[in-house]
Amino acid sequence: MGYNVGDFVSVLETRWDDATLGVVVKKQKKSFEYCRTYWFCDNYDYVVSTVLHNGEYVFYECSEIELCELSFVEKLSVLGSFNTDWYVYNKLLFVEILVLGIPTVHRLK
């Protein structure tokens, strides 16, 4: 299963700890040679900003992360735990998450 930029994921090593939540910020294609040798694996590595690392980037393979269904408030909580530099480098992703959450906030009223 592949993930997209903006997907919220949990890291599987310590899956039930809140500190393992993160957001995919980049998909990086693996080399042709690697994909040809390991044809059974996913073609991408995922750059994930994690709560555990205050939003710093960590590379994970598809098998190391799992998609999380979070409410809009929980997503904002994850993003709020990142350091301030994260927003400087990921403004478009942050705004996209906010815009996609607007209908959710409207339904809560």
PDB file of N, CA and C in Angstrom:
ATOM      1  N   MET A   1       0.842  -1.183   0.000  1.00  0.00           N
ATOM      2  CA  MET A   1       0.000   0.000   0.000  1.00  0.00           C
ATOM      3  C   MET A   1       0.881   1.238   0.000  1.00  0.00           C
ATOM      4  N   GLY A   2       0.577   2.172  -0.826  1.00  0.00           N
ATOM      5  CA  GLY A   2       1.332   3.414  -0.886  1.00  0.00           C
ATOM      6  C   GLY A   2       0.641   4.527  -0.118  1.00  0.00           C
ATOM      7  N   TYR A   3       1.397   5.528   0.226  1.00  0.00           N
ATOM      8  CA  TYR A   3       0.878   6.674   0.960  1.00  0.00           C
ATOM      9  C   TYR A   3       1.104   7.925   0.144  1.00  0.00           C
ATOM     10  N   ASN A   4       0.323   8.948   0.419  1.00  0.00           N
ATOM     11  CA  ASN A   4       0.434  10.217  -0.279  1.00  0.00           C
ATOM     12  C   ASN A   4       0.926  11.296   0.677  1.00  0.00           C
ATOM     13  N   VAL A   5       1.458  12.352   0.105  1.00  0.00           N
ATOM     14  CA  VAL A   5       1.877  13.498   0.908  1.00  0.00           C
ATOM     15  C   VAL A   5       0.639  14.049   1.612  1.00  0.00           C
ATOM     16  N   GLY A   6       0.770  14.282   2.906  1.00  0.00           N
ATOM     17  CA  GLY A   6      -0.346  14.778   3.701  1.00  0.00           C
ATOM     18  C   GLY A   6      -1.074  13.701   4.487  1.00  0.00           C
ATOM     19  N   ASP A   7      -0.767  12.442   4.233  1.00  0.00           N
ATOM     20  CA  ASP A   7      -1.379  11.353   4.999  1.00  0.00           C
ATOM     21  C   ASP A   7      -0.791  11.310   6.406  1.00  0.00           C
ATOM     22  N   PHE A   8      -1.642  11.100   7.389  1.00  0.00           N
ATOM     23  CA  PHE A   8      -1.180  10.937   8.762  1.00  0.00           C
ATOM     24  C   PHE A   8      -0.960   9.455   9.012  1.00  0.00           C
ATOM     25  N   VAL A   9       0.196   9.147   9.582  1.00  0.00           N
ATOM     26  CA  VAL A   9       0.598   7.751   9.759  1.00  0.00           C
ATOM     27  C   VAL A   9       1.093   7.533  11.179  1.00  0.00           C
ATOM     28  N   SER A  10       1.132   6.263  11.574  1.00  0.00           N
ATOM     29  CA  SER A  10       1.786   5.890  12.829  1.00  0.00           C
ATOM     30  C   SER A  10       2.963   4.996  12.484  1.00  0.00           C
ATOM     31  N   VAL A  11       4.026   5.133  13.256  1.00  0.00           N
ATOM     32  CA  VAL A  11       5.214   4.311  13.076  1.00  0.00           C
ATOM     33  C   VAL A  11       4.976   3.007  13.816  1.00  0.00           C
ATOM     34  N   LEU A  12       5.230   1.891  13.158  1.00  0.00           N
ATOM     35  CA  LEU A  12       4.825   0.599  13.696  1.00  0.00           C
ATOM     36  C   LEU A  12       5.684   0.048  14.825  1.00  0.00           C
ATOM     37  N   GLU A  13       6.895   0.541  15.035  1.00  0.00           N
ATOM     38  CA  GLU A  13       7.737  -0.020  16.100  1.00  0.00           C
ATOM     39  C   GLU A  13       7.085   0.120  17.477  1.00  0.00           C
ATOM     40  N   THR A  14       6.588   1.292  17.782  1.00  0.00           N
ATOM     41  CA  THR A  14       5.899   1.532  19.051  1.00  0.00           C
ATOM     42  C   THR A  14       4.544   2.143  18.726  1.00  0.00           C
ATOM     43  N   ARG A  15       3.743   1.396  18.073  1.00  0.00           N
ATOM     44  CA  ARG A  15       2.531   1.863  17.421  1.00  0.00           C
ATOM     45  C   ARG A  15       1.518   2.550  18.334  1.00  0.00           C
ATOM     46  N   TRP A  16       1.374   2.154  19.557  1.00  0.00           N
ATOM     47  CA  TRP A  16       0.289   2.698  20.379  1.00  0.00           C
ATOM     48  C   TRP A  16       0.701   3.912  21.189  1.00  0.00           C
ATOM     49  N   ASP A  17       1.896   4.372  21.060  1.00  0.00           N
ATOM     50  CA  ASP A  17       2.370   5.563  21.755  1.00  0.00           C
ATOM     51  C   ASP A  17       2.055   6.782  20.894  1.00  0.00           C
ATOM     52  N   ASP A  18       1.461   7.825  21.476  1.00  0.00           N
ATOM     53  CA  ASP A  18       1.110   9.026  20.710  1.00  0.00           C
ATOM     54  C   ASP A  18       2.312   9.665  20.027  1.00  0.00           C
ATOM     55  N   ALA A  19       3.492   9.480  20.587  1.00  0.00           N
ATOM     56  CA  ALA A  19       4.689  10.103  20.033  1.00  0.00           C
ATOM     57  C   ALA A  19       5.081   9.523  18.680  1.00  0.00           C
ATOM     58  N   THR A  20       4.460   8.447  18.259  1.00  0.00           N
ATOM     59  CA  THR A  20       4.823   7.833  16.994  1.00  0.00           C
ATOM     60  C   THR A  20       3.993   8.352  15.823  1.00  0.00           C
ATOM     61  N   LEU A  21       3.063   9.254  16.066  1.00  0.00           N
ATOM     62  CA  LEU A  21       2.265   9.793  14.972  1.00  0.00           C
ATOM     63  C   LEU A  21       3.093  10.765  14.144  1.00  0.00           C
ATOM     64  N   GLY A  22       2.735  10.877  12.868  1.00  0.00           N
ATOM     65  CA  GLY A  22       3.427  11.804  11.989  1.00  0.00           C
ATOM     66  C   GLY A  22       2.648  12.042  10.722  1.00  0.00           C
ATOM     67  N   VAL A  23       3.204  12.867   9.865  1.00  0.00           N
ATOM     68  CA  VAL A  23       2.581  13.196   8.586  1.00  0.00           C
ATOM     69  C   VAL A  23       3.610  13.001   7.473  1.00  0.00           C
ATOM     70  N   VAL A  24       3.171  12.407   6.369  1.00  0.00           N
ATOM     71  CA  VAL A  24       4.044  12.190   5.217  1.00  0.00           C
ATOM     72  C   VAL A  24       4.259  13.529   4.522  1.00  0.00           C
ATOM     73  N   VAL A  25       5.515  13.943   4.367  1.00  0.00           N
ATOM     74  CA  VAL A  25       5.815  15.216   3.713  1.00  0.00           C
ATOM     75  C   VAL A  25       6.424  15.042   2.329  1.00  0.00           C
ATOM     76  N   LYS A  26       6.904  13.817   2.022  1.00  0.00           N
ATOM     77  CA  LYS A  26       7.514  13.598   0.709  1.00  0.00           C
ATOM     78  C   LYS A  26       7.574  12.106   0.407  1.00  0.00           C
ATOM     79  N   LYS A  27       7.349  11.778  -0.873  1.00  0.00           N
ATOM     80  CA  LYS A  27       7.569  10.419  -1.364  1.00  0.00           C
ATOM     81  C   LYS A  27       8.842  10.447  -2.191  1.00  0.00           C
ATOM     82  N   GLN A  28       9.766   9.558  -1.891  1.00  0.00           N
ATOM     83  CA  GLN A  28      11.026   9.523  -2.622  1.00  0.00           C
ATOM     84  C   GLN A  28      11.139   8.193  -3.350  1.00  0.00           C
ATOM     85  N   LYS A  29      11.267   8.264  -4.658  1.00  0.00           N
ATOM     86  CA  LYS A  29      11.355   7.065  -5.488  1.00  0.00           C
ATOM     87  C   LYS A  29      12.671   6.347  -5.241  1.00  0.00           C
ATOM     88  N   LYS A  30      12.577   5.013  -5.090  1.00  0.00           N
ATOM     89  CA  LYS A  30      13.782   4.203  -4.935  1.00  0.00           C
ATOM     90  C   LYS A  30      14.446   4.015  -6.291  1.00  0.00           C
ATOM     91  N   SER A  31      15.698   3.641  -6.281  1.00  0.00           N
ATOM     92  CA  SER A  31      16.446   3.478  -7.526  1.00  0.00           C
ATOM     93  C   SER A  31      15.886   2.318  -8.354  1.00  0.00           C
ATOM     94  N   PHE A  32      16.121   2.392  -9.640  1.00  0.00           N
ATOM     95  CA  PHE A  32      15.663   1.345 -10.555  1.00  0.00           C
ATOM     96  C   PHE A  32      16.258  -0.010 -10.184  1.00  0.00           C
ATOM     97  N   GLU A  33      17.541  -0.015  -9.845  1.00  0.00           N
ATOM     98  CA  GLU A  33      18.211  -1.257  -9.486  1.00  0.00           C
ATOM     99  C   GLU A  33      17.593  -1.889  -8.234  1.00  0.00           C
ATOM    100  N   TYR A  34      17.294  -1.054  -7.254  1.00  0.00           N
ATOM    101  CA  TYR A  34      16.679  -1.560  -6.032  1.00  0.00           C
ATOM    102  C   TYR A  34      15.305  -2.163  -6.324  1.00  0.00           C
ATOM    103  N   CYS A  35      14.514  -1.457  -7.109  1.00  0.00           N
ATOM    104  CA  CYS A  35      13.159  -1.934  -7.444  1.00  0.00           C
ATOM    105  C   CYS A  35      13.215  -3.214  -8.273  1.00  0.00           C
ATOM    106  N   ARG A  36      14.208  -3.337  -9.133  1.00  0.00           N
ATOM    107  CA  ARG A  36      14.329  -4.542  -9.948  1.00  0.00           C
ATOM    108  C   ARG A  36      14.758  -5.737  -9.095  1.00  0.00           C
ATOM    109  N   THR A  37      15.652  -5.497  -8.150  1.00  0.00           N
ATOM    110  CA  THR A  37      16.120  -6.564  -7.274  1.00  0.00           C
ATOM    111  C   THR A  37      15.033  -6.969  -6.283  1.00  0.00           C
ATOM    112  N   TYR A  38      14.404  -5.976  -5.664  1.00  0.00           N
ATOM    113  CA  TYR A  38      13.353  -6.229  -4.665  1.00  0.00           C
ATOM    114  C   TYR A  38      12.002  -5.875  -5.274  1.00  0.00           C
ATOM    115  N   TRP A  39      11.613  -6.597  -6.297  1.00  0.00           N
ATOM    116  CA  TRP A  39      10.409  -6.312  -7.066  1.00  0.00           C
ATOM    117  C   TRP A  39       9.134  -6.416  -6.238  1.00  0.00           C
ATOM    118  N   PHE A  40       9.176  -7.101  -5.115  1.00  0.00           N
ATOM    119  CA  PHE A  40       7.996  -7.332  -4.292  1.00  0.00           C
ATOM    120  C   PHE A  40       7.720  -6.193  -3.305  1.00  0.00           C
ATOM    121  N   CYS A  41       8.621  -5.227  -3.202  1.00  0.00           N
ATOM    122  CA  CYS A  41       8.425  -4.161  -2.222  1.00  0.00           C
ATOM    123  C   CYS A  41       7.893  -2.897  -2.893  1.00  0.00           C
ATOM    124  N   ASP A  42       7.506  -1.938  -2.058  1.00  0.00           N
ATOM    125  CA  ASP A  42       6.995  -0.655  -2.523  1.00  0.00           C
ATOM    126  C   ASP A  42       8.120   0.123  -3.218  1.00  0.00           C
ATOM    127  N   ASN A  43       7.769   0.918  -4.213  1.00  0.00           N
ATOM    128  CA  ASN A  43       8.762   1.665  -4.986  1.00  0.00           C
ATOM    129  C   ASN A  43       9.201   2.971  -4.328  1.00  0.00           C
ATOM    130  N   TYR A  44       8.672   3.283  -3.165  1.00  0.00           N
ATOM    131  CA  TYR A  44       8.957   4.578  -2.541  1.00  0.00           C
ATOM    132  C   TYR A  44       9.447   4.411  -1.113  1.00  0.00           C
ATOM    133  N   ASP A  45      10.263   5.373  -0.697  1.00  0.00           N
ATOM    134  CA  ASP A  45      10.538   5.624   0.705  1.00  0.00           C
ATOM    135  C   ASP A  45       9.723   6.853   1.061  1.00  0.00           C
ATOM    136  N   TYR A  46       9.332   6.957   2.307  1.00  0.00           N
ATOM    137  CA  TYR A  46       8.479   8.062   2.730  1.00  0.00           C
ATOM    138  C   TYR A  46       9.204   8.909   3.757  1.00  0.00           C
ATOM    139  N   VAL A  47       9.212  10.208   3.519  1.00  0.00           N
ATOM    140  CA  VAL A  47       9.782  11.154   4.469  1.00  0.00           C
ATOM    141  C   VAL A  47       8.634  11.584   5.374  1.00  0.00           C
ATOM    142  N   VAL A  48       8.766  11.289   6.666  1.00  0.00           N
ATOM    143  CA  VAL A  48       7.689  11.532   7.623  1.00  0.00           C
ATOM    144  C   VAL A  48       8.183  12.478   8.705  1.00  0.00           C
ATOM    145  N   SER A  49       7.388  13.504   9.002  1.00  0.00           N
ATOM    146  CA  SER A  49       7.647  14.359  10.153  1.00  0.00           C
ATOM    147  C   SER A  49       6.924  13.733  11.327  1.00  0.00           C
ATOM    148  N   THR A  50       7.655  13.392  12.378  1.00  0.00           N
ATOM    149  CA  THR A  50       7.055  12.681  13.500  1.00  0.00           C
ATOM    150  C   THR A  50       6.998  13.547  14.754  1.00  0.00           C
ATOM    151  N   VAL A  51       6.024  13.259  15.599  1.00  0.00           N
ATOM    152  CA  VAL A  51       5.880  13.950  16.877  1.00  0.00           C
ATOM    153  C   VAL A  51       7.088  13.670  17.758  1.00  0.00           C
ATOM    154  N   LEU A  52       7.553  12.435  17.738  1.00  0.00           N
ATOM    155  CA  LEU A  52       8.695  12.021  18.553  1.00  0.00           C
ATOM    156  C   LEU A  52       9.931  12.880  18.280  1.00  0.00           C
ATOM    157  N   HIS A  53      10.100  13.309  17.034  1.00  0.00           N
ATOM    158  CA  HIS A  53      11.272  14.095  16.631  1.00  0.00           C
ATOM    159  C   HIS A  53      10.937  15.567  16.413  1.00  0.00           C
ATOM    160  N   ASN A  54       9.835  16.048  16.989  1.00  0.00           N
ATOM    161  CA  ASN A  54       9.414  17.456  16.897  1.00  0.00           C
ATOM    162  C   ASN A  54       9.279  17.952  15.465  1.00  0.00           C
ATOM    163  N   GLY A  55       8.855  17.064  14.574  1.00  0.00           N
ATOM    164  CA  GLY A  55       8.631  17.456  13.187  1.00  0.00           C
ATOM    165  C   GLY A  55       9.814  17.246  12.270  1.00  0.00           C
ATOM    166  N   GLU A  56      10.927  16.800  12.814  1.00  0.00           N
ATOM    167  CA  GLU A  56      12.091  16.526  11.970  1.00  0.00           C
ATOM    168  C   GLU A  56      11.788  15.352  11.050  1.00  0.00           C
ATOM    169  N   TYR A  57      12.451  15.314   9.910  1.00  0.00           N
ATOM    170  CA  TYR A  57      12.196  14.288   8.903  1.00  0.00           C
ATOM    171  C   TYR A  57      12.870  12.965   9.248  1.00  0.00           C
ATOM    172  N   VAL A  58      12.133  11.887   9.043  1.00  0.00           N
ATOM    173  CA  VAL A  58      12.659  10.536   9.208  1.00  0.00           C
ATOM    174  C   VAL A  58      12.217   9.731   8.001  1.00  0.00           C
ATOM    175  N   PHE A  59      13.129   8.940   7.416  1.00  0.00           N
ATOM    176  CA  PHE A  59      12.804   8.097   6.270  1.00  0.00           C
ATOM    177  C   PHE A  59      12.240   6.767   6.756  1.00  0.00           C
ATOM    178  N   TYR A  60      11.135   6.348   6.150  1.00  0.00           N
ATOM    179  CA  TYR A  60      10.534   5.054   6.462  1.00  0.00           C
ATOM    180  C   TYR A  60      10.156   4.350   5.176  1.00  0.00           C
ATOM    181  N   GLU A  61      10.196   3.018   5.227  1.00  0.00           N
ATOM    182  CA  GLU A  61       9.660   2.220   4.137  1.00  0.00           C
ATOM    183  C   GLU A  61       8.174   2.003   4.392  1.00  0.00           C
ATOM    184  N   CYS A  62       7.478   1.569   3.372  1.00  0.00           N
ATOM    185  CA  CYS A  62       6.037   1.358   3.453  1.00  0.00           C
ATOM    186  C   CYS A  62       5.660   0.400   4.582  1.00  0.00           C
ATOM    187  N   SER A  63       6.469  -0.611   4.804  1.00  0.00           N
ATOM    188  CA  SER A  63       6.159  -1.620   5.817  1.00  0.00           C
ATOM    189  C   SER A  63       6.343  -1.109   7.242  1.00  0.00           C
ATOM    190  N   GLU A  64       6.969   0.042   7.422  1.00  0.00           N
ATOM    191  CA  GLU A  64       7.245   0.570   8.756  1.00  0.00           C
ATOM    192  C   GLU A  64       6.204   1.560   9.252  1.00  0.00           C
ATOM    193  N   ILE A  65       5.276   1.956   8.387  1.00  0.00           N
ATOM    194  CA  ILE A  65       4.256   2.932   8.766  1.00  0.00           C
ATOM    195  C   ILE A  65       2.876   2.405   8.411  1.00  0.00           C
ATOM    196  N   GLU A  66       1.866   2.983   9.064  1.00  0.00           N
ATOM    197  CA  GLU A  66       0.491   2.570   8.832  1.00  0.00           C
ATOM    198  C   GLU A  66      -0.406   3.807   8.847  1.00  0.00           C
ATOM    199  N   LEU A  67      -1.364   3.855   7.948  1.00  0.00           N
ATOM    200  CA  LEU A  67      -2.281   4.988   7.838  1.00  0.00           C
ATOM    201  C   LEU A  67      -3.114   5.127   9.102  1.00  0.00           C
ATOM    202  N   CYS A  68      -3.320   6.361   9.565  1.00  0.00           N
ATOM    203  CA  CYS A  68      -4.126   6.650  10.755  1.00  0.00           C
ATOM    204  C   CYS A  68      -5.341   7.466  10.357  1.00  0.00           C
ATOM    205  N   GLU A  69      -6.466   7.110  10.910  1.00  0.00           N
ATOM    206  CA  GLU A  69      -7.677   7.915  10.735  1.00  0.00           C
ATOM    207  C   GLU A  69      -7.789   8.823  11.952  1.00  0.00           C
ATOM    208  N   LEU A  70      -7.490  10.101  11.767  1.00  0.00           N
ATOM    209  CA  LEU A  70      -7.529  11.069  12.855  1.00  0.00           C
ATOM    210  C   LEU A  70      -8.593  12.120  12.585  1.00  0.00           C
ATOM    211  N   SER A  71      -9.173  12.644  13.646  1.00  0.00           N
ATOM    212  CA  SER A  71     -10.102  13.759  13.493  1.00  0.00           C
ATOM    213  C   SER A  71      -9.292  15.017  13.156  1.00  0.00           C
ATOM    214  N   PHE A  72      -9.992  16.054  12.734  1.00  0.00           N
ATOM    215  CA  PHE A  72      -9.315  17.296  12.381  1.00  0.00           C
ATOM    216  C   PHE A  72      -8.581  17.876  13.591  1.00  0.00           C
ATOM    217  N   VAL A  73      -9.178  17.804  14.753  1.00  0.00           N
ATOM    218  CA  VAL A  73      -8.554  18.320  15.970  1.00  0.00           C
ATOM    219  C   VAL A  73      -7.286  17.534  16.293  1.00  0.00           C
ATOM    220  N   GLU A  74      -7.324  16.224  16.124  1.00  0.00           N
ATOM    221  CA  GLU A  74      -6.139  15.400  16.366  1.00  0.00           C
ATOM    222  C   GLU A  74      -5.030  15.720  15.364  1.00  0.00           C
ATOM    223  N   LYS A  75      -5.400  15.982  14.120  1.00  0.00           N
ATOM    224  CA  LYS A  75      -4.402  16.381  13.119  1.00  0.00           C
ATOM    225  C   LYS A  75      -3.737  17.688  13.511  1.00  0.00           C
ATOM    226  N   LEU A  76      -4.549  18.652  13.959  1.00  0.00           N
ATOM    227  CA  LEU A  76      -3.982  19.929  14.405  1.00  0.00           C
ATOM    228  C   LEU A  76      -3.073  19.740  15.612  1.00  0.00           C
ATOM    229  N   SER A  77      -3.423  18.811  16.487  1.00  0.00           N
ATOM    230  CA  SER A  77      -2.586  18.524  17.650  1.00  0.00           C
ATOM    231  C   SER A  77      -1.223  17.978  17.216  1.00  0.00           C
ATOM    232  N   VAL A  78      -1.226  17.093  16.225  1.00  0.00           N
ATOM    233  CA  VAL A  78       0.040  16.549  15.708  1.00  0.00           C
ATOM    234  C   VAL A  78       0.882  17.665  15.112  1.00  0.00           C
ATOM    235  N   LEU A  79       0.265  18.492  14.270  1.00  0.00           N
ATOM    236  CA  LEU A  79       1.004  19.585  13.634  1.00  0.00           C
ATOM    237  C   LEU A  79       1.487  20.601  14.657  1.00  0.00           C
ATOM    238  N   GLY A  80       0.708  20.819  15.707  1.00  0.00           N
ATOM    239  CA  GLY A  80       1.080  21.771  16.750  1.00  0.00           C
ATOM    240  C   GLY A  80       2.267  21.321  17.575  1.00  0.00           C
ATOM    241  N   SER A  81       2.580  20.044  17.543  1.00  0.00           N
ATOM    242  CA  SER A  81       3.723  19.540  18.322  1.00  0.00           C
ATOM    243  C   SER A  81       5.049  19.672  17.572  1.00  0.00           C
ATOM    244  N   PHE A  82       4.995  20.095  16.309  1.00  0.00           N
ATOM    245  CA  PHE A  82       6.223  20.257  15.527  1.00  0.00           C
ATOM    246  C   PHE A  82       6.879  21.592  15.853  1.00  0.00           C
ATOM    247  N   ASN A  83       8.204  21.664  15.652  1.00  0.00           N
ATOM    248  CA  ASN A  83       8.900  22.928  15.904  1.00  0.00           C
ATOM    249  C   ASN A  83       8.526  23.962  14.837  1.00  0.00           C
ATOM    250  N   THR A  84       8.853  25.210  15.095  1.00  0.00           N
ATOM    251  CA  THR A  84       8.410  26.292  14.213  1.00  0.00           C
ATOM    252  C   THR A  84       9.038  26.234  12.826  1.00  0.00           C
ATOM    253  N   ASP A  85      10.196  25.639  12.683  1.00  0.00           N
ATOM    254  CA  ASP A  85      10.816  25.524  11.361  1.00  0.00           C
ATOM    255  C   ASP A  85       9.988  24.669  10.420  1.00  0.00           C
ATOM    256  N   TRP A  86       9.228  23.737  10.954  1.00  0.00           N
ATOM    257  CA  TRP A  86       8.411  22.850  10.115  1.00  0.00           C
ATOM    258  C   TRP A  86       7.450  23.661   9.260  1.00  0.00           C
ATOM    259  N   TYR A  87       6.845  24.690   9.842  1.00  0.00           N
ATOM    260  CA  TYR A  87       5.866  25.499   9.113  1.00  0.00           C
ATOM    261  C   TYR A  87       6.515  26.314   8.001  1.00  0.00           C
ATOM    262  N   VAL A  88       7.736  26.741   8.221  1.00  0.00           N
ATOM    263  CA  VAL A  88       8.454  27.514   7.204  1.00  0.00           C
ATOM    264  C   VAL A  88       8.662  26.672   5.939  1.00  0.00           C
ATOM    265  N   TYR A  89       9.026  25.410   6.119  1.00  0.00           N
ATOM    266  CA  TYR A  89       9.347  24.545   4.980  1.00  0.00           C
ATOM    267  C   TYR A  89       8.153  23.774   4.426  1.00  0.00           C
ATOM    268  N   ASN A  90       7.036  23.758   5.134  1.00  0.00           N
ATOM    269  CA  ASN A  90       5.878  22.968   4.713  1.00  0.00           C
ATOM    270  C   ASN A  90       4.581  23.781   4.719  1.00  0.00           C
ATOM    271  N   LYS A  91       4.674  25.050   4.339  1.00  0.00           N
ATOM    272  CA  LYS A  91       3.506  25.936   4.361  1.00  0.00           C
ATOM    273  C   LYS A  91       2.358  25.413   3.508  1.00  0.00           C
ATOM    274  N   LEU A  92       2.667  24.960   2.301  1.00  0.00           N
ATOM    275  CA  LEU A  92       1.603  24.505   1.406  1.00  0.00           C
ATOM    276  C   LEU A  92       0.883  23.285   1.960  1.00  0.00           C
ATOM    277  N   LEU A  93       1.612  22.361   2.514  1.00  0.00           N
ATOM    278  CA  LEU A  93       0.996  21.174   3.113  1.00  0.00           C
ATOM    279  C   LEU A  93       0.137  21.567   4.312  1.00  0.00           C
ATOM    280  N   PHE A  94       0.628  22.469   5.140  1.00  0.00           N
ATOM    281  CA  PHE A  94      -0.120  22.917   6.305  1.00  0.00           C
ATOM    282  C   PHE A  94      -1.432  23.579   5.891  1.00  0.00           C
ATOM    283  N   VAL A  95      -1.369  24.456   4.905  1.00  0.00           N
ATOM    284  CA  VAL A  95      -2.574  25.134   4.429  1.00  0.00           C
ATOM    285  C   VAL A  95      -3.552  24.137   3.812  1.00  0.00           C
ATOM    286  N   GLU A  96      -3.050  23.157   3.078  1.00  0.00           N
ATOM    287  CA  GLU A  96      -3.914  22.132   2.481  1.00  0.00           C
ATOM    288  C   GLU A  96      -4.664  21.348   3.564  1.00  0.00           C
ATOM    289  N   ILE A  97      -3.981  20.988   4.631  1.00  0.00           N
ATOM    290  CA  ILE A  97      -4.621  20.264   5.727  1.00  0.00           C
ATOM    291  C   ILE A  97      -5.675  21.134   6.391  1.00  0.00           C
ATOM    292  N   LEU A  98      -5.379  22.414   6.573  1.00  0.00           N
ATOM    293  CA  LEU A  98      -6.359  23.327   7.154  1.00  0.00           C
ATOM    294  C   LEU A  98      -7.593  23.477   6.268  1.00  0.00           C
ATOM    295  N   VAL A  99      -7.390  23.657   4.977  1.00  0.00           N
ATOM    296  CA  VAL A  99      -8.504  23.842   4.054  1.00  0.00           C
ATOM    297  C   VAL A  99      -9.373  22.592   3.985  1.00  0.00           C
ATOM    298  N   LEU A 100      -8.751  21.419   3.978  1.00  0.00           N
ATOM    299  CA  LEU A 100      -9.526  20.180   3.947  1.00  0.00           C
ATOM    300  C   LEU A 100     -10.296  19.961   5.245  1.00  0.00           C
ATOM    301  N   GLY A 101      -9.869  20.568   6.335  1.00  0.00           N
ATOM    302  CA  GLY A 101     -10.554  20.420   7.611  1.00  0.00           C
ATOM    303  C   GLY A 101     -11.659  21.396   7.853  1.00  0.00           C
ATOM    304  N   ILE A 102     -11.794  22.429   7.029  1.00  0.00           N
ATOM    305  CA  ILE A 102     -12.826  23.453   7.226  1.00  0.00           C
ATOM    306  C   ILE A 102     -14.231  22.847   7.228  1.00  0.00           C
ATOM    307  N   PRO A 103     -14.595  21.961   6.299  1.00  0.00           N
ATOM    308  CA  PRO A 103     -15.939  21.375   6.364  1.00  0.00           C
ATOM    309  C   PRO A 103     -16.190  20.598   7.671  1.00  0.00           C
ATOM    310  N   THR A 104     -15.165  20.002   8.234  1.00  0.00           N
ATOM    311  CA  THR A 104     -15.294  19.256   9.484  1.00  0.00           C
ATOM    312  C   THR A 104     -15.646  20.207  10.624  1.00  0.00           C
ATOM    313  N   VAL A 105     -14.984  21.337  10.683  1.00  0.00           N
ATOM    314  CA  VAL A 105     -15.226  22.317  11.733  1.00  0.00           C
ATOM    315  C   VAL A 105     -16.634  22.867  11.584  1.00  0.00           C
ATOM    316  N   HIS A 106     -17.076  23.102  10.365  1.00  0.00           N
ATOM    317  CA  HIS A 106     -18.421  23.637  10.117  1.00  0.00           C
ATOM    318  C   HIS A 106     -19.490  22.662  10.614  1.00  0.00           C
ATOM    319  N   ARG A 107     -19.267  21.350  10.446  1.00  0.00           N
ATOM    320  CA  ARG A 107     -20.232  20.348  10.904  1.00  0.00           C
ATOM    321  C   ARG A 107     -20.306  20.247  12.409  1.00  0.00           C
ATOM    322  N   LEU A 108     -19.248  20.627  13.118  1.00  0.00           N
ATOM    323  CA  LEU A 108     -19.232  20.535  14.570  1.00  0.00           C
ATOM    324  C   LEU A 108     -20.117  21.579  15.237  1.00  0.00           C
ATOM    325  N   LYS A 109     -20.441  22.650  14.545  1.00  0.00           N
ATOM    326  CA  LYS A 109     -21.249  23.735  15.145  1.00  0.00           C
ATOM    327  C   LYS A 109     -22.686  23.337  15.289  1.00  0.00           C
TER     328      LYS A 109
END
